[in-house]
Amino acid sequence: MSAELLPLLAVCIFVVAMLYASVGHGGASGYLATMALFSLHPAALKPTALVLNIVVAGVGTWLYCTAKQFSWRLFWPFAITSIPASFLGGCFNLPPHLYRPFLGVVLLFAAWRLFVRTERREGEICPPRLPVAMAVGAVLGFASGLIGVGGGIFLSPLMVLLGWARVREVSGIAALFILVNSAAGLLGHVSSLQQIPGYAPLLAVMALAGGTLGALGGSRHLPVPVILKAMAMVLVIAGGKMILV
């Protein structure tokens, strides 16, 4: 990475963090796409994205919880199985062509469904049964550890589209879900920390600043239709990245 391009990369990380945090996400899929465009070494992408994810999801968790946009009762069944599954997923390095196109199409479909839903009011909330939530947590946790994201990119649209929680509450649940799974996924491949570039602290500061602004807006100020549109945009970015990058 040349010194001339580093400020531009930092600004891009700030923007990605702000957009993703507005819907409770850490931004890993956006960081991966951005860093790939700046030609970072492939070995550095996954651990750097997870570190930035932890920073943004951490501040997002705190802001959504203090805004009372979080439900522990809904969160823990997903987390109790996703954490060990994410650790396990972080131990594997499968060829991207085996899973990325499929996941990309799924995310693009979810983006379309969310965009259609923005014109509708939130319907009746029906939380998932315990076995269903635990099974979903395990699958999403493994996928998050394998890919190098926090899993919220999958959990959020699923919860919104199936009516498992209110939209702002979904964002709060996703923030903590991403935080714990990013940490578990990083521990599952802790040796990769050696590949993190020396300028990562600068990226982390920019991600923290962007994440704070985004989470403040999403947890307190942005209307629900705007949050859903932002979530759809995030899914388009993530889905396109998985298919094209």
C-alpha atoms as a PDB file:
ATOM      1  CA  MET A   1       0.000   0.000   0.000  1.00  0.00           C
ATOM      2  CA  SER A   2       1.551   3.313  -1.087  1.00  0.00           C
ATOM      3  CA  ALA A   3       1.522   6.325   1.231  1.00  0.00           C
ATOM      4  CA  GLU A   4      -0.498   8.257  -1.365  1.00  0.00           C
ATOM      5  CA  LEU A   5      -3.361   5.725  -1.388  1.00  0.00           C
ATOM      6  CA  LEU A   6      -3.563   5.191   2.383  1.00  0.00           C
ATOM      7  CA  PRO A   7      -5.653   8.344   3.132  1.00  0.00           C
ATOM      8  CA  LEU A   8      -8.138   7.363   0.418  1.00  0.00           C
ATOM      9  CA  LEU A   9      -8.427   3.855   1.856  1.00  0.00           C
ATOM     10  CA  ALA A  10      -8.991   5.333   5.325  1.00  0.00           C
ATOM     11  CA  VAL A  11     -11.807   7.561   4.037  1.00  0.00           C
ATOM     12  CA  CYS A  12     -13.428   4.589   2.293  1.00  0.00           C
ATOM     13  CA  ILE A  13     -13.276   2.586   5.534  1.00  0.00           C
ATOM     14  CA  PHE A  14     -14.954   5.510   7.368  1.00  0.00           C
ATOM     15  CA  VAL A  15     -17.816   5.625   4.838  1.00  0.00           C
ATOM     16  CA  VAL A  16     -18.308   1.847   4.859  1.00  0.00           C
ATOM     17  CA  ALA A  17     -18.345   1.759   8.675  1.00  0.00           C
ATOM     18  CA  MET A  18     -20.906   4.583   8.850  1.00  0.00           C
ATOM     19  CA  LEU A  19     -23.259   2.924   6.347  1.00  0.00           C
ATOM     20  CA  TYR A  20     -23.055  -0.538   7.879  1.00  0.00           C
ATOM     21  CA  ALA A  21     -23.298   0.639  11.500  1.00  0.00           C
ATOM     22  CA  SER A  22     -26.538   2.475  10.685  1.00  0.00           C
ATOM     23  CA  VAL A  23     -28.173  -0.968  10.400  1.00  0.00           C
ATOM     24  CA  GLY A  24     -26.228  -2.617  13.241  1.00  0.00           C
ATOM     25  CA  HIS A  25     -23.583  -4.257  11.043  1.00  0.00           C
ATOM     26  CA  GLY A  26     -19.832  -4.239  11.540  1.00  0.00           C
ATOM     27  CA  GLY A  27     -18.972  -3.792   7.873  1.00  0.00           C
ATOM     28  CA  ALA A  28     -16.678  -6.767   7.249  1.00  0.00           C
ATOM     29  CA  SER A  29     -18.039  -7.540   3.786  1.00  0.00           C
ATOM     30  CA  GLY A  30     -17.600  -3.872   2.835  1.00  0.00           C
ATOM     31  CA  TYR A  31     -14.068  -3.773   4.242  1.00  0.00           C
ATOM     32  CA  LEU A  32     -13.147  -6.925   2.350  1.00  0.00           C
ATOM     33  CA  ALA A  33     -14.389  -5.455  -0.934  1.00  0.00           C
ATOM     34  CA  THR A  34     -12.700  -2.097  -0.304  1.00  0.00           C
ATOM     35  CA  MET A  35      -9.346  -3.569   0.689  1.00  0.00           C
ATOM     36  CA  ALA A  36      -9.423  -5.943  -2.273  1.00  0.00           C
ATOM     37  CA  LEU A  37      -9.918  -2.945  -4.590  1.00  0.00           C
ATOM     38  CA  PHE A  38      -6.834  -1.351  -3.024  1.00  0.00           C
ATOM     39  CA  SER A  39      -4.895  -4.585  -3.686  1.00  0.00           C
ATOM     40  CA  LEU A  40      -4.077  -5.494  -0.096  1.00  0.00           C
ATOM     41  CA  HIS A  41      -2.360  -8.840   0.298  1.00  0.00           C
ATOM     42  CA  PRO A  42      -5.048 -11.580   0.291  1.00  0.00           C
ATOM     43  CA  ALA A  43      -3.751 -13.039   3.570  1.00  0.00           C
ATOM     44  CA  ALA A  44      -4.344  -9.700   5.310  1.00  0.00           C
ATOM     45  CA  LEU A  45      -7.951  -9.243   4.197  1.00  0.00           C
ATOM     46  CA  LYS A  46      -9.794 -11.610   6.541  1.00  0.00           C
ATOM     47  CA  PRO A  47      -8.027 -10.776   9.852  1.00  0.00           C
ATOM     48  CA  THR A  48      -8.036  -7.017   9.156  1.00  0.00           C
ATOM     49  CA  ALA A  49     -11.741  -7.069   8.302  1.00  0.00           C
ATOM     50  CA  LEU A  50     -12.528  -8.982  11.485  1.00  0.00           C
ATOM     51  CA  VAL A  51     -10.567  -6.540  13.648  1.00  0.00           C
ATOM     52  CA  LEU A  52     -12.426  -3.578  12.104  1.00  0.00           C
ATOM     53  CA  ASN A  53     -15.661  -5.523  12.521  1.00  0.00           C
ATOM     54  CA  ILE A  54     -14.999  -5.939  16.242  1.00  0.00           C
ATOM     55  CA  VAL A  55     -14.320  -2.207  16.655  1.00  0.00           C
ATOM     56  CA  VAL A  56     -17.492  -1.091  14.854  1.00  0.00           C
ATOM     57  CA  ALA A  57     -19.742  -3.809  16.270  1.00  0.00           C
ATOM     58  CA  GLY A  58     -18.463  -2.987  19.753  1.00  0.00           C
ATOM     59  CA  VAL A  59     -19.460   0.666  19.599  1.00  0.00           C
ATOM     60  CA  GLY A  60     -22.674  -0.286  17.805  1.00  0.00           C
ATOM     61  CA  THR A  61     -23.616  -2.754  20.546  1.00  0.00           C
ATOM     62  CA  TRP A  62     -23.115  -0.123  23.217  1.00  0.00           C
ATOM     63  CA  LEU A  63     -25.125   2.554  21.382  1.00  0.00           C
ATOM     64  CA  TYR A  64     -28.024   0.267  20.441  1.00  0.00           C
ATOM     65  CA  CYS A  65     -28.194  -1.132  23.980  1.00  0.00           C
ATOM     66  CA  THR A  66     -28.186   2.326  25.596  1.00  0.00           C
ATOM     67  CA  ALA A  67     -30.965   3.315  23.177  1.00  0.00           C
ATOM     68  CA  LYS A  68     -32.903   0.243  24.412  1.00  0.00           C
ATOM     69  CA  GLN A  69     -32.930  -1.291  20.931  1.00  0.00           C
ATOM     70  CA  PHE A  70     -31.832  -4.763  22.014  1.00  0.00           C
ATOM     71  CA  SER A  71     -33.447  -7.957  23.315  1.00  0.00           C
ATOM     72  CA  TRP A  72     -31.367 -10.441  25.283  1.00  0.00           C
ATOM     73  CA  ARG A  73     -34.219 -12.963  25.110  1.00  0.00           C
ATOM     74  CA  LEU A  74     -34.029 -12.979  21.309  1.00  0.00           C
ATOM     75  CA  PHE A  75     -30.250 -12.759  21.142  1.00  0.00           C
ATOM     76  CA  TRP A  76     -28.924 -15.584  23.305  1.00  0.00           C
ATOM     77  CA  PRO A  77     -30.387 -18.603  21.409  1.00  0.00           C
ATOM     78  CA  PHE A  78     -28.599 -17.449  18.249  1.00  0.00           C
ATOM     79  CA  ALA A  79     -25.346 -16.672  20.056  1.00  0.00           C
ATOM     80  CA  ILE A  80     -25.036 -19.848  22.129  1.00  0.00           C
ATOM     81  CA  THR A  81     -24.562 -21.969  19.016  1.00  0.00           C
ATOM     82  CA  SER A  82     -23.045 -19.374  16.676  1.00  0.00           C
ATOM     83  CA  ILE A  83     -19.966 -18.671  18.826  1.00  0.00           C
ATOM     84  CA  PRO A  84     -18.491 -22.215  18.752  1.00  0.00           C
ATOM     85  CA  ALA A  85     -19.608 -22.627  15.125  1.00  0.00           C
ATOM     86  CA  SER A  86     -17.850 -19.383  14.161  1.00  0.00           C
ATOM     87  CA  PHE A  87     -14.667 -20.526  15.900  1.00  0.00           C
ATOM     88  CA  LEU A  88     -14.869 -23.767  13.922  1.00  0.00           C
ATOM     89  CA  GLY A  89     -15.531 -21.939  10.658  1.00  0.00           C
ATOM     90  CA  GLY A  90     -12.494 -19.739  11.264  1.00  0.00           C
ATOM     91  CA  CYS A  91     -10.300 -22.849  11.243  1.00  0.00           C
ATOM     92  CA  PHE A  92     -11.198 -23.658   7.613  1.00  0.00           C
ATOM     93  CA  ASN A  93      -9.966 -22.116   4.390  1.00  0.00           C
ATOM     94  CA  LEU A  94     -12.227 -23.385   1.612  1.00  0.00           C
ATOM     95  CA  PRO A  95     -11.829 -22.232  -2.015  1.00  0.00           C
ATOM     96  CA  PRO A  96     -14.099 -19.183  -2.467  1.00  0.00           C
ATOM     97  CA  HIS A  97     -15.675 -20.543  -5.658  1.00  0.00           C
ATOM     98  CA  LEU A  98     -17.338 -23.288  -3.605  1.00  0.00           C
ATOM     99  CA  TYR A  99     -19.634 -20.996  -1.653  1.00  0.00           C
ATOM    100  CA  ARG A 100     -19.373 -17.289  -2.571  1.00  0.00           C
ATOM    101  CA  PRO A 101     -21.640 -17.228  -5.684  1.00  0.00           C
ATOM    102  CA  PHE A 102     -24.455 -18.971  -3.826  1.00  0.00           C
ATOM    103  CA  LEU A 103     -24.221 -16.680  -0.806  1.00  0.00           C
ATOM    104  CA  GLY A 104     -24.034 -13.659  -3.095  1.00  0.00           C
ATOM    105  CA  VAL A 105     -27.284 -14.577  -4.830  1.00  0.00           C
ATOM    106  CA  VAL A 106     -28.974 -15.157  -1.454  1.00  0.00           C
ATOM    107  CA  LEU A 107     -27.920 -11.693  -0.242  1.00  0.00           C
ATOM    108  CA  LEU A 108     -29.094 -10.002  -3.439  1.00  0.00           C
ATOM    109  CA  PHE A 109     -32.477 -11.715  -3.140  1.00  0.00           C
ATOM    110  CA  ALA A 110     -32.748 -10.587   0.494  1.00  0.00           C
ATOM    111  CA  ALA A 111     -31.864  -7.032  -0.579  1.00  0.00           C
ATOM    112  CA  TRP A 112     -34.691  -7.041  -3.104  1.00  0.00           C
ATOM    113  CA  ARG A 113     -37.178  -8.334  -0.534  1.00  0.00           C
ATOM    114  CA  LEU A 114     -36.120  -5.690   1.986  1.00  0.00           C
ATOM    115  CA  PHE A 115     -36.399  -2.902  -0.591  1.00  0.00           C
ATOM    116  CA  VAL A 116     -39.948  -4.025  -1.415  1.00  0.00           C
ATOM    117  CA  ARG A 117     -40.747  -4.135   2.307  1.00  0.00           C
ATOM    118  CA  THR A 118     -39.700  -0.502   2.895  1.00  0.00           C
ATOM    119  CA  GLU A 119     -43.108   0.697   1.745  1.00  0.00           C
ATOM    120  CA  ARG A 120     -44.900  -1.492   4.258  1.00  0.00           C
ATOM    121  CA  ARG A 121     -45.462  -1.102   7.952  1.00  0.00           C
ATOM    122  CA  GLU A 122     -43.906  -3.458  10.437  1.00  0.00           C
ATOM    123  CA  GLY A 123     -46.271  -6.360  10.940  1.00  0.00           C
ATOM    124  CA  GLU A 124     -46.908  -8.569  13.937  1.00  0.00           C
ATOM    125  CA  ILE A 125     -43.723  -9.809  15.620  1.00  0.00           C
ATOM    126  CA  CYS A 126     -43.376 -13.571  16.092  1.00  0.00           C
ATOM    127  CA  PRO A 127     -40.028 -14.622  17.657  1.00  0.00           C
ATOM    128  CA  PRO A 128     -38.588 -17.956  16.484  1.00  0.00           C
ATOM    129  CA  ARG A 129     -38.829 -21.096  18.584  1.00  0.00           C
ATOM    130  CA  LEU A 130     -35.730 -21.990  20.577  1.00  0.00           C
ATOM    131  CA  PRO A 131     -34.581 -24.965  18.410  1.00  0.00           C
ATOM    132  CA  VAL A 132     -35.009 -22.892  15.248  1.00  0.00           C
ATOM    133  CA  ALA A 133     -33.012 -19.963  16.638  1.00  0.00           C
ATOM    134  CA  MET A 134     -30.211 -22.261  17.831  1.00  0.00           C
ATOM    135  CA  ALA A 135     -30.030 -24.049  14.469  1.00  0.00           C
ATOM    136  CA  VAL A 136     -29.944 -20.730  12.599  1.00  0.00           C
ATOM    137  CA  GLY A 137     -27.227 -19.462  14.938  1.00  0.00           C
ATOM    138  CA  ALA A 138     -25.050 -22.504  14.268  1.00  0.00           C
ATOM    139  CA  VAL A 139     -25.349 -22.225  10.482  1.00  0.00           C
ATOM    140  CA  LEU A 140     -24.767 -18.483  10.388  1.00  0.00           C
ATOM    141  CA  GLY A 141     -21.929 -18.696  12.891  1.00  0.00           C
ATOM    142  CA  PHE A 142     -20.064 -21.267  10.814  1.00  0.00           C
ATOM    143  CA  ALA A 143     -20.591 -19.215   7.650  1.00  0.00           C
ATOM    144  CA  SER A 144     -19.350 -16.052   9.348  1.00  0.00           C
ATOM    145  CA  GLY A 145     -16.167 -17.713  10.592  1.00  0.00           C
ATOM    146  CA  LEU A 146     -15.524 -19.301   7.210  1.00  0.00           C
ATOM    147  CA  ILE A 147     -15.975 -16.115   5.185  1.00  0.00           C
ATOM    148  CA  GLY A 148     -14.481 -13.641   7.647  1.00  0.00           C
ATOM    149  CA  VAL A 149     -17.601 -11.618   8.483  1.00  0.00           C
ATOM    150  CA  GLY A 150     -19.639 -11.329  11.671  1.00  0.00           C
ATOM    151  CA  GLY A 151     -22.789 -13.075  10.461  1.00  0.00           C
ATOM    152  CA  GLY A 152     -25.102 -10.104  10.910  1.00  0.00           C
ATOM    153  CA  ILE A 153     -25.213  -9.676   7.137  1.00  0.00           C
ATOM    154  CA  PHE A 154     -27.230 -12.916   7.111  1.00  0.00           C
ATOM    155  CA  LEU A 155     -29.087 -12.635  10.425  1.00  0.00           C
ATOM    156  CA  SER A 156     -30.541  -9.128   9.964  1.00  0.00           C
ATOM    157  CA  PRO A 157     -32.501  -9.694   6.734  1.00  0.00           C
ATOM    158  CA  LEU A 158     -33.657 -13.090   7.975  1.00  0.00           C
ATOM    159  CA  MET A 159     -35.075 -11.609  11.193  1.00  0.00           C
ATOM    160  CA  VAL A 160     -36.715  -8.685   9.390  1.00  0.00           C
ATOM    161  CA  LEU A 161     -38.250 -10.704   6.568  1.00  0.00           C
ATOM    162  CA  LEU A 162     -39.578 -13.409   8.906  1.00  0.00           C
ATOM    163  CA  GLY A 163     -40.889 -10.872  11.424  1.00  0.00           C
ATOM    164  CA  TRP A 164     -38.818 -12.140  14.340  1.00  0.00           C
ATOM    165  CA  ALA A 165     -38.180  -8.658  15.818  1.00  0.00           C
ATOM    166  CA  ARG A 166     -38.678  -4.940  15.220  1.00  0.00           C
ATOM    167  CA  VAL A 167     -36.286  -3.356  12.738  1.00  0.00           C
ATOM    168  CA  ARG A 168     -34.297  -1.269  15.245  1.00  0.00           C
ATOM    169  CA  GLU A 169     -34.212  -4.205  17.628  1.00  0.00           C
ATOM    170  CA  VAL A 170     -32.854  -6.386  14.815  1.00  0.00           C
ATOM    171  CA  SER A 171     -29.995  -3.922  14.367  1.00  0.00           C
ATOM    172  CA  GLY A 172     -29.130  -4.081  18.060  1.00  0.00           C
ATOM    173  CA  ILE A 173     -29.201  -7.878  18.089  1.00  0.00           C
ATOM    174  CA  ALA A 174     -27.097  -7.986  14.912  1.00  0.00           C
ATOM    175  CA  ALA A 175     -24.453  -5.686  16.410  1.00  0.00           C
ATOM    176  CA  LEU A 176     -23.746  -7.969  19.377  1.00  0.00           C
ATOM    177  CA  PHE A 177     -24.092 -11.085  17.203  1.00  0.00           C
ATOM    178  CA  ILE A 178     -21.400  -9.679  14.903  1.00  0.00           C
ATOM    179  CA  LEU A 179     -19.180  -8.732  17.823  1.00  0.00           C
ATOM    180  CA  VAL A 180     -19.115 -12.177  19.438  1.00  0.00           C
ATOM    181  CA  ASN A 181     -18.815 -14.065  16.153  1.00  0.00           C
ATOM    182  CA  SER A 182     -16.047 -11.836  14.800  1.00  0.00           C
ATOM    183  CA  ALA A 183     -14.065 -12.409  17.978  1.00  0.00           C
ATOM    184  CA  ALA A 184     -14.674 -16.175  17.834  1.00  0.00           C
ATOM    185  CA  GLY A 185     -13.779 -16.340  14.132  1.00  0.00           C
ATOM    186  CA  LEU A 186     -10.556 -14.433  14.747  1.00  0.00           C
ATOM    187  CA  LEU A 187      -9.606 -16.754  17.602  1.00  0.00           C
ATOM    188  CA  GLY A 188     -10.217 -19.705  15.303  1.00  0.00           C
ATOM    189  CA  HIS A 189      -7.504 -18.385  12.994  1.00  0.00           C
ATOM    190  CA  VAL A 190      -5.391 -16.377  15.459  1.00  0.00           C
ATOM    191  CA  SER A 191      -2.160 -16.967  13.549  1.00  0.00           C
ATOM    192  CA  SER A 192      -3.548 -14.739  10.783  1.00  0.00           C
ATOM    193  CA  LEU A 193      -3.088 -11.709  13.077  1.00  0.00           C
ATOM    194  CA  GLN A 194       0.534 -11.646  11.949  1.00  0.00           C
ATOM    195  CA  GLN A 195      -0.706 -10.653   8.476  1.00  0.00           C
ATOM    196  CA  ILE A 196      -2.455  -7.469   9.663  1.00  0.00           C
ATOM    197  CA  PRO A 197      -0.707  -4.425   8.108  1.00  0.00           C
ATOM    198  CA  GLY A 198       1.068  -1.851  10.244  1.00  0.00           C
ATOM    199  CA  TYR A 199      -1.389   0.902   9.326  1.00  0.00           C
ATOM    200  CA  ALA A 200      -4.352  -1.073  10.706  1.00  0.00           C
ATOM    201  CA  PRO A 201      -4.645   1.244  13.776  1.00  0.00           C
ATOM    202  CA  LEU A 202      -5.386   4.172  11.436  1.00  0.00           C
ATOM    203  CA  LEU A 203      -8.101   2.138   9.718  1.00  0.00           C
ATOM    204  CA  ALA A 204      -9.502   1.142  13.114  1.00  0.00           C
ATOM    205  CA  VAL A 205      -9.756   4.804  14.214  1.00  0.00           C
ATOM    206  CA  MET A 206     -11.574   5.722  10.991  1.00  0.00           C
ATOM    207  CA  ALA A 207     -13.887   2.715  11.370  1.00  0.00           C
ATOM    208  CA  LEU A 208     -14.621   3.721  14.973  1.00  0.00           C
ATOM    209  CA  ALA A 209     -15.504   7.273  13.950  1.00  0.00           C
ATOM    210  CA  GLY A 210     -17.714   6.161  11.065  1.00  0.00           C
ATOM    211  CA  GLY A 211     -19.290   3.401  13.110  1.00  0.00           C
ATOM    212  CA  THR A 212     -20.166   5.772  15.931  1.00  0.00           C
ATOM    213  CA  LEU A 213     -21.925   8.210  13.589  1.00  0.00           C
ATOM    214  CA  GLY A 214     -23.780   5.420  11.803  1.00  0.00           C
ATOM    215  CA  ALA A 215     -24.911   3.659  14.975  1.00  0.00           C
ATOM    216  CA  LEU A 216     -26.093   6.923  16.531  1.00  0.00           C
ATOM    217  CA  GLY A 217     -28.275   7.567  13.499  1.00  0.00           C
ATOM    218  CA  GLY A 218     -29.602   4.025  13.220  1.00  0.00           C
ATOM    219  CA  SER A 219     -30.380   3.558  16.895  1.00  0.00           C
ATOM    220  CA  ARG A 220     -32.018   6.923  17.541  1.00  0.00           C
ATOM    221  CA  HIS A 221     -32.814   9.087  14.540  1.00  0.00           C
ATOM    222  CA  LEU A 222     -33.252   7.358  11.166  1.00  0.00           C
ATOM    223  CA  PRO A 223     -36.836   6.389  10.176  1.00  0.00           C
ATOM    224  CA  VAL A 224     -37.461   2.656   9.770  1.00  0.00           C
ATOM    225  CA  PRO A 225     -37.959   2.854   5.950  1.00  0.00           C
ATOM    226  CA  VAL A 226     -34.572   4.565   5.655  1.00  0.00           C
ATOM    227  CA  ILE A 227     -32.961   1.853   7.797  1.00  0.00           C
ATOM    228  CA  LEU A 228     -34.463  -0.840   5.569  1.00  0.00           C
ATOM    229  CA  LYS A 229     -33.211   0.888   2.423  1.00  0.00           C
ATOM    230  CA  ALA A 230     -29.757   1.182   3.989  1.00  0.00           C
ATOM    231  CA  MET A 231     -29.870  -2.495   4.908  1.00  0.00           C
ATOM    232  CA  ALA A 232     -30.834  -3.381   1.336  1.00  0.00           C
ATOM    233  CA  MET A 233     -27.917  -1.294   0.041  1.00  0.00           C
ATOM    234  CA  VAL A 234     -25.531  -3.053   2.416  1.00  0.00           C
ATOM    235  CA  LEU A 235     -26.757  -6.433   1.170  1.00  0.00           C
ATOM    236  CA  VAL A 236     -26.283  -5.386  -2.451  1.00  0.00           C
ATOM    237  CA  ILE A 237     -22.690  -4.393  -1.706  1.00  0.00           C
ATOM    238  CA  ALA A 238     -22.039  -7.637   0.171  1.00  0.00           C
ATOM    239  CA  GLY A 239     -23.764  -9.832  -2.395  1.00  0.00           C
ATOM    240  CA  GLY A 240     -22.037  -8.160  -5.326  1.00  0.00           C
ATOM    241  CA  LYS A 241     -18.693  -8.496  -3.595  1.00  0.00           C
ATOM    242  CA  MET A 242     -19.160 -12.213  -3.047  1.00  0.00           C
ATOM    243  CA  ILE A 243     -20.072 -12.778  -6.684  1.00  0.00           C
ATOM    244  CA  LEU A 244     -17.568 -10.469  -8.368  1.00  0.00           C
ATOM    245  CA  VAL A 245     -14.507 -10.222  -6.094  1.00  0.00           C
END
